[in-house]
Amino acid sequence: VFYCAASRAINSQFICFDEVNRYHYWGRGTQV
């Protein structure tokens, strides 16, 4: 199941993160 998630962590406008706990909002997922 693939999920997209959004993060408002510091500098999220300029970098991104690979840690699950950095993301605050999640979709329900889509099965692949």
All heavy atoms as atom14 arrays in JSON, in Angstrom:
{
  "sequence": "VFYCAASRAINSQFICFDEVNRYHYWGRGTQV",
  "atom14_mask": [
    [1, 1, 1, 1, 1, 1, 1, 0, 0, 0, 0, 0, 0, 0],
    [1, 1, 1, 1, 1, 1, 1, 1, 1, 1, 1, 0, 0, 0],
    [1, 1, 1, 1, 1, 1, 1, 1, 1, 1, 1, 1, 0, 0],
    [1, 1, 1, 1, 1, 1, 0, 0, 0, 0, 0, 0, 0, 0],
    [1, 1, 1, 1, 1, 0, 0, 0, 0, 0, 0, 0, 0, 0],
    [1, 1, 1, 1, 1, 0, 0, 0, 0, 0, 0, 0, 0, 0],
    [1, 1, 1, 1, 1, 1, 0, 0, 0, 0, 0, 0, 0, 0],
    [1, 1, 1, 1, 1, 1, 1, 1, 1, 1, 1, 0, 0, 0],
    [1, 1, 1, 1, 1, 0, 0, 0, 0, 0, 0, 0, 0, 0],
    [1, 1, 1, 1, 1, 1, 1, 1, 0, 0, 0, 0, 0, 0],
    [1, 1, 1, 1, 1, 1, 1, 1, 0, 0, 0, 0, 0, 0],
    [1, 1, 1, 1, 1, 1, 0, 0, 0, 0, 0, 0, 0, 0],
    [1, 1, 1, 1, 1, 1, 1, 1, 1, 0, 0, 0, 0, 0],
    [1, 1, 1, 1, 1, 1, 1, 1, 1, 1, 1, 0, 0, 0],
    [1, 1, 1, 1, 1, 1, 1, 1, 0, 0, 0, 0, 0, 0],
    [1, 1, 1, 1, 1, 1, 0, 0, 0, 0, 0, 0, 0, 0],
    [1, 1, 1, 1, 1, 1, 1, 1, 1, 1, 1, 0, 0, 0],
    [1, 1, 1, 1, 1, 1, 1, 1, 0, 0, 0, 0, 0, 0],
    [1, 1, 1, 1, 1, 1, 1, 1, 1, 0, 0, 0, 0, 0],
    [1, 1, 1, 1, 1, 1, 1, 0, 0, 0, 0, 0, 0, 0],
    [1, 1, 1, 1, 1, 1, 1, 1, 0, 0, 0, 0, 0, 0],
    [1, 1, 1, 1, 1, 1, 1, 1, 1, 1, 1, 0, 0, 0],
    [1, 1, 1, 1, 1, 1, 1, 1, 1, 1, 1, 1, 0, 0],
    [1, 1, 1, 1, 1, 1, 1, 1, 1, 1, 0, 0, 0, 0],
    [1, 1, 1, 1, 1, 1, 1, 1, 1, 1, 1, 1, 0, 0],
    [1, 1, 1, 1, 1, 1, 1, 1, 1, 1, 1, 1, 1, 1],
    [1, 1, 1, 1, 0, 0, 0, 0, 0, 0, 0, 0, 0, 0],
    [1, 1, 1, 1, 1, 1, 1, 1, 1, 1, 1, 0, 0, 0],
    [1, 1, 1, 1, 0, 0, 0, 0, 0, 0, 0, 0, 0, 0],
    [1, 1, 1, 1, 1, 1, 1, 0, 0, 0, 0, 0, 0, 0],
    [1, 1, 1, 1, 1, 1, 1, 1, 1, 0, 0, 0, 0, 0],
    [1, 1, 1, 1, 1, 1, 1, 0, 0, 0, 0, 0, 0, 0]
  ],
  "atom14_positions": [
    [[0.87, -1.17, 0.0], [0.0, 0.0, 0.0], [0.91, 1.22, 0.0], [1.83, 1.32, 0.82], [-0.93, 0.02, 1.23], [-1.79, 1.28, 1.2], [-1.81, -1.23, 1.25], [0.0, 0.0, 0.0], [0.0, 0.0, 0.0], [0.0, 0.0, 0.0], [0.0, 0.0, 0.0], [0.0, 0.0, 0.0], [0.0, 0.0, 0.0], [0.0, 0.0, 0.0]],
    [[0.67, 2.12, -0.95], [1.48, 3.33, -1.07], [0.69, 4.5, -0.48], [-0.49, 4.69, -0.79], [1.82, 3.59, -2.54], [2.95, 2.73, -3.03], [2.77, 1.38, -3.27], [4.21, 3.28, -3.27], [3.81, 0.58, -3.72], [5.25, 2.51, -3.73], [5.07, 1.16, -3.95], [0.0, 0.0, 0.0], [0.0, 0.0, 0.0], [0.0, 0.0, 0.0]],
    [[1.38, 5.29, 0.33], [0.77, 6.43, 1.01], [1.52, 7.71, 0.65], [2.76, 7.69, 0.52], [0.86, 6.28, 2.53], [0.16, 5.07, 3.1], [0.83, 3.86, 3.24], [-1.16, 5.15, 3.53], [0.2, 2.75, 3.78], [-1.8, 4.04, 4.08], [-1.1, 2.85, 4.19], [-1.73, 1.75, 4.74], [0.0, 0.0, 0.0], [0.0, 0.0, 0.0]],
    [[0.81, 8.81, 0.53], [1.48, 10.1, 0.49], [1.24, 10.79, 1.83], [0.23, 10.55, 2.51], [1.05, 10.96, -0.69], [-0.62, 11.58, -0.65], [0.0, 0.0, 0.0], [0.0, 0.0, 0.0], [0.0, 0.0, 0.0], [0.0, 0.0, 0.0], [0.0, 0.0, 0.0], [0.0, 0.0, 0.0], [0.0, 0.0, 0.0], [0.0, 0.0, 0.0]],
    [[2.19, 11.63, 2.22], [2.15, 12.28, 3.52], [2.74, 13.68, 3.4], [3.58, 13.93, 2.53], [2.92, 11.46, 4.55], [0.0, 0.0, 0.0], [0.0, 0.0, 0.0], [0.0, 0.0, 0.0], [0.0, 0.0, 0.0], [0.0, 0.0, 0.0], [0.0, 0.0, 0.0], [0.0, 0.0, 0.0], [0.0, 0.0, 0.0], [0.0, 0.0, 0.0]],
    [[2.32, 14.56, 4.3], [2.77, 15.95, 4.27], [3.46, 16.31, 5.58], [3.01, 15.91, 6.66], [1.58, 16.88, 4.03], [0.0, 0.0, 0.0], [0.0, 0.0, 0.0], [0.0, 0.0, 0.0], [0.0, 0.0, 0.0], [0.0, 0.0, 0.0], [0.0, 0.0, 0.0], [0.0, 0.0, 0.0], [0.0, 0.0, 0.0], [0.0, 0.0, 0.0]],
    [[4.53, 17.06, 5.47], [5.31, 17.47, 6.64], [5.44, 18.98, 6.71], [5.73, 19.63, 5.71], [6.72, 16.85, 6.56], [7.54, 17.37, 7.59], [0.0, 0.0, 0.0], [0.0, 0.0, 0.0], [0.0, 0.0, 0.0], [0.0, 0.0, 0.0], [0.0, 0.0, 0.0], [0.0, 0.0, 0.0], [0.0, 0.0, 0.0], [0.0, 0.0, 0.0]],
    [[5.25, 19.52, 7.93], [5.51, 20.93, 8.19], [6.71, 21.08, 9.12], [6.84, 22.08, 9.81], [4.29, 21.6, 8.83], [3.23, 22.03, 7.86], [3.69, 23.12, 6.91], [4.15, 24.33, 7.56], [3.36, 25.31, 7.95], [2.07, 25.22, 7.79], [3.88, 26.39, 8.5], [0.0, 0.0, 0.0], [0.0, 0.0, 0.0], [0.0, 0.0, 0.0]],
    [[7.61, 20.1, 9.11], [8.82, 20.2, 9.93], [9.65, 21.4, 9.48], [9.46, 21.92, 8.38], [9.63, 18.91, 9.83], [0.0, 0.0, 0.0], [0.0, 0.0, 0.0], [0.0, 0.0, 0.0], [0.0, 0.0, 0.0], [0.0, 0.0, 0.0], [0.0, 0.0, 0.0], [0.0, 0.0, 0.0], [0.0, 0.0, 0.0], [0.0, 0.0, 0.0]],
    [[10.59, 21.79, 10.31], [11.43, 22.95, 10.01], [12.09, 22.77, 8.64], [12.61, 21.7, 8.32], [12.5, 23.12, 11.1], [11.82, 23.51, 12.42], [13.53, 24.17, 10.72], [12.77, 23.59, 13.59], [0.0, 0.0, 0.0], [0.0, 0.0, 0.0], [0.0, 0.0, 0.0], [0.0, 0.0, 0.0], [0.0, 0.0, 0.0], [0.0, 0.0, 0.0]],
    [[12.04, 23.82, 7.84], [12.64, 23.85, 6.5], [11.95, 22.95, 5.48], [12.53, 22.64, 4.44], [14.13, 23.51, 6.55], [14.94, 24.59, 7.22], [14.59, 25.77, 7.14], [16.01, 24.21, 7.88], [0.0, 0.0, 0.0], [0.0, 0.0, 0.0], [0.0, 0.0, 0.0], [0.0, 0.0, 0.0], [0.0, 0.0, 0.0], [0.0, 0.0, 0.0]],
    [[10.72, 22.53, 5.77], [10.03, 21.64, 4.84], [9.78, 22.29, 3.49], [9.5, 21.6, 2.51], [8.7, 21.17, 5.44], [7.86, 22.27, 5.74], [0.0, 0.0, 0.0], [0.0, 0.0, 0.0], [0.0, 0.0, 0.0], [0.0, 0.0, 0.0], [0.0, 0.0, 0.0], [0.0, 0.0, 0.0], [0.0, 0.0, 0.0], [0.0, 0.0, 0.0]],
    [[9.86, 23.6, 3.42], [9.71, 24.26, 2.12], [10.94, 24.0, 1.23], [10.83, 24.04, 0.01], [9.53, 25.77, 2.3], [9.16, 26.48, 1.01], [8.77, 27.93, 1.23], [8.72, 28.4, 2.36], [8.48, 28.63, 0.15], [0.0, 0.0, 0.0], [0.0, 0.0, 0.0], [0.0, 0.0, 0.0], [0.0, 0.0, 0.0], [0.0, 0.0, 0.0]],
    [[12.08, 23.67, 1.84], [13.32, 23.56, 1.09], [13.93, 22.15, 1.1], [14.78, 21.84, 0.27], [14.34, 24.55, 1.65], [13.79, 25.94, 1.74], [13.53, 26.52, 2.97], [13.52, 26.66, 0.59], [13.0, 27.79, 3.06], [13.0, 27.95, 0.67], [12.74, 28.51, 1.91], [0.0, 0.0, 0.0], [0.0, 0.0, 0.0], [0.0, 0.0, 0.0]],
    [[13.56, 21.33, 2.03], [14.07, 19.96, 2.1], [12.92, 19.02, 2.4], [11.82, 19.47, 2.74], [15.17, 19.8, 3.19], [14.6, 20.15, 4.57], [16.38, 20.65, 2.86], [15.57, 19.88, 5.71], [0.0, 0.0, 0.0], [0.0, 0.0, 0.0], [0.0, 0.0, 0.0], [0.0, 0.0, 0.0], [0.0, 0.0, 0.0], [0.0, 0.0, 0.0]],
    [[13.17, 17.72, 2.27], [12.17, 16.73, 2.66], [12.83, 15.66, 3.52], [14.04, 15.71, 3.75], [11.46, 16.14, 1.44], [12.52, 15.19, 0.33], [0.0, 0.0, 0.0], [0.0, 0.0, 0.0], [0.0, 0.0, 0.0], [0.0, 0.0, 0.0], [0.0, 0.0, 0.0], [0.0, 0.0, 0.0], [0.0, 0.0, 0.0], [0.0, 0.0, 0.0]],
    [[12.06, 14.7, 3.98], [12.52, 13.79, 5.03], [12.1, 12.36, 4.72], [11.07, 12.12, 4.11], [11.91, 14.21, 6.38], [11.89, 15.69, 6.58], [10.74, 16.43, 6.31], [13.02, 16.36, 7.01], [10.71, 17.79, 6.47], [13.01, 17.74, 7.18], [11.86, 18.45, 6.91], [0.0, 0.0, 0.0], [0.0, 0.0, 0.0], [0.0, 0.0, 0.0]],
    [[12.9, 11.39, 5.18], [12.52, 9.99, 4.96], [12.02, 9.3, 6.23], [11.76, 8.11, 6.22], [13.65, 9.19, 4.33], [14.91, 9.19, 5.17], [14.87, 9.68, 6.33], [15.94, 8.69, 4.69], [0.0, 0.0, 0.0], [0.0, 0.0, 0.0], [0.0, 0.0, 0.0], [0.0, 0.0, 0.0], [0.0, 0.0, 0.0], [0.0, 0.0, 0.0]],
    [[11.9, 10.07, 7.32], [11.4, 9.47, 8.56], [9.89, 9.59, 8.64], [9.34, 10.69, 8.46], [12.02, 10.15, 9.78], [13.53, 10.05, 9.83], [14.21, 11.27, 9.26], [13.54, 12.01, 8.47], [15.38, 11.49, 9.55], [0.0, 0.0, 0.0], [0.0, 0.0, 0.0], [0.0, 0.0, 0.0], [0.0, 0.0, 0.0], [0.0, 0.0, 0.0]],
    [[9.22, 8.5, 8.96], [7.77, 8.5, 9.08], [7.31, 9.54, 10.09], [6.31, 10.24, 9.87], [7.27, 7.09, 9.48], [5.8, 7.11, 9.85], [7.52, 6.09, 8.35], [0.0, 0.0, 0.0], [0.0, 0.0, 0.0], [0.0, 0.0, 0.0], [0.0, 0.0, 0.0], [0.0, 0.0, 0.0], [0.0, 0.0, 0.0], [0.0, 0.0, 0.0]],
    [[8.02, 9.67, 11.2], [7.55, 10.54, 12.28], [7.74, 12.02, 11.99], [7.39, 12.86, 12.82], [8.2, 10.15, 13.61], [9.71, 10.29, 13.58], [10.28, 10.83, 12.63], [10.37, 9.79, 14.61], [0.0, 0.0, 0.0], [0.0, 0.0, 0.0], [0.0, 0.0, 0.0], [0.0, 0.0, 0.0], [0.0, 0.0, 0.0], [0.0, 0.0, 0.0]],
    [[8.3, 12.38, 10.84], [8.4, 13.78, 10.46], [7.13, 14.27, 9.74], [7.02, 15.44, 9.46], [9.58, 13.98, 9.53], [10.92, 13.74, 10.15], [11.38, 14.88, 11.03], [12.82, 14.81, 11.26], [13.67, 15.73, 10.87], [13.26, 16.82, 10.24], [14.95, 15.58, 11.1], [0.0, 0.0, 0.0], [0.0, 0.0, 0.0], [0.0, 0.0, 0.0]],
    [[6.23, 13.36, 9.45], [5.06, 13.69, 8.64], [3.81, 13.76, 9.51], [3.59, 12.91, 10.37], [4.9, 12.67, 7.5], [5.97, 12.87, 6.46], [7.24, 12.31, 6.63], [5.75, 13.67, 5.34], [8.24, 12.53, 5.7], [6.74, 13.89, 4.4], [7.99, 13.32, 4.59], [8.98, 13.55, 3.68], [0.0, 0.0, 0.0], [0.0, 0.0, 0.0]],
    [[3.02, 14.8, 9.26], [1.9, 15.11, 10.14], [0.55, 14.73, 9.56], [-0.41, 14.56, 10.3], [1.91, 16.63, 10.43], [3.23, 17.11, 10.94], [4.21, 17.62, 10.11], [3.74, 17.14, 12.18], [5.26, 17.97, 10.84], [5.01, 17.68, 12.09], [0.0, 0.0, 0.0], [0.0, 0.0, 0.0], [0.0, 0.0, 0.0], [0.0, 0.0, 0.0]],
    [[0.47, 14.62, 8.24], [-0.81, 14.32, 7.6], [-0.58, 13.18, 6.62], [0.42, 13.15, 5.9], [-1.36, 15.54, 6.86], [-1.57, 16.74, 7.74], [-0.62, 17.75, 7.82], [-2.73, 16.85, 8.5], [-0.82, 18.84, 8.64], [-2.93, 17.95, 9.32], [-1.97, 18.93, 9.38], [-2.18, 20.02, 10.19], [0.0, 0.0, 0.0], [0.0, 0.0, 0.0]],
    [[-1.55, 12.28, 6.57], [-1.43, 11.07, 5.74], [-2.71, 10.84, 4.95], [-3.81, 11.1, 5.43], [-1.18, 9.84, 6.62], [0.16, 9.84, 7.27], [0.51, 10.49, 8.42], [1.34, 9.18, 6.8], [1.84, 10.27, 8.69], [2.38, 9.46, 7.73], [1.62, 8.37, 5.7], [3.67, 8.96, 7.57], [2.89, 7.88, 5.55], [3.91, 8.17, 6.48]],
    [[-2.52, 10.33, 3.73], [-3.66, 9.85, 2.97], [-4.02, 8.44, 3.4], [-3.35, 7.85, 4.25], [0.0, 0.0, 0.0], [0.0, 0.0, 0.0], [0.0, 0.0, 0.0], [0.0, 0.0, 0.0], [0.0, 0.0, 0.0], [0.0, 0.0, 0.0], [0.0, 0.0, 0.0], [0.0, 0.0, 0.0], [0.0, 0.0, 0.0], [0.0, 0.0, 0.0]],
    [[-5.06, 7.89, 2.78], [-5.52, 6.55, 3.14], [-4.78, 5.44, 2.4], [-4.91, 4.27, 2.74], [-7.01, 6.43, 2.89], [-7.84, 7.29, 3.82], [-9.31, 7.01, 3.68], [-10.09, 7.74, 4.66], [-11.4, 7.63, 4.81], [-12.08, 6.8, 4.03], [-12.02, 8.32, 5.73], [0.0, 0.0, 0.0], [0.0, 0.0, 0.0], [0.0, 0.0, 0.0]],
    [[-4.05, 5.8, 1.38], [-3.26, 4.82, 0.66], [-3.91, 4.29, -0.6], [-5.14, 4.36, -0.77], [0.0, 0.0, 0.0], [0.0, 0.0, 0.0], [0.0, 0.0, 0.0], [0.0, 0.0, 0.0], [0.0, 0.0, 0.0], [0.0, 0.0, 0.0], [0.0, 0.0, 0.0], [0.0, 0.0, 0.0], [0.0, 0.0, 0.0], [0.0, 0.0, 0.0]],
    [[-3.08, 3.75, -1.48], [-3.54, 3.1, -2.7], [-2.74, 1.82, -2.88], [-1.51, 1.82, -2.72], [-3.43, 4.04, -3.91], [-4.0, 3.43, -5.06], [-1.99, 4.45, -4.21], [0.0, 0.0, 0.0], [0.0, 0.0, 0.0], [0.0, 0.0, 0.0], [0.0, 0.0, 0.0], [0.0, 0.0, 0.0], [0.0, 0.0, 0.0], [0.0, 0.0, 0.0]],
    [[-3.43, 0.73, -3.21], [-2.78, -0.58, -3.29], [-2.08, -0.73, -4.64], [-2.66, -0.48, -5.7], [-3.82, -1.7, -3.14], [-3.28, -3.1, -3.32], [-2.38, -3.54, -2.18], [-2.71, -3.34, -1.01], [-1.24, -4.14, -2.51], [0.0, 0.0, 0.0], [0.0, 0.0, 0.0], [0.0, 0.0, 0.0], [0.0, 0.0, 0.0], [0.0, 0.0, 0.0]],
    [[-0.83, -1.17, -4.57], [-0.07, -1.52, -5.77], [0.29, -3.01, -5.66], [0.9, -3.43, -4.68], [1.21, -0.68, -5.9], [2.09, -1.22, -7.03], [0.87, 0.78, -6.13], [0.0, 0.0, 0.0], [0.0, 0.0, 0.0], [0.0, 0.0, 0.0], [0.0, 0.0, 0.0], [0.0, 0.0, 0.0], [0.0, 0.0, 0.0], [0.0, 0.0, 0.0]]
  ]
}
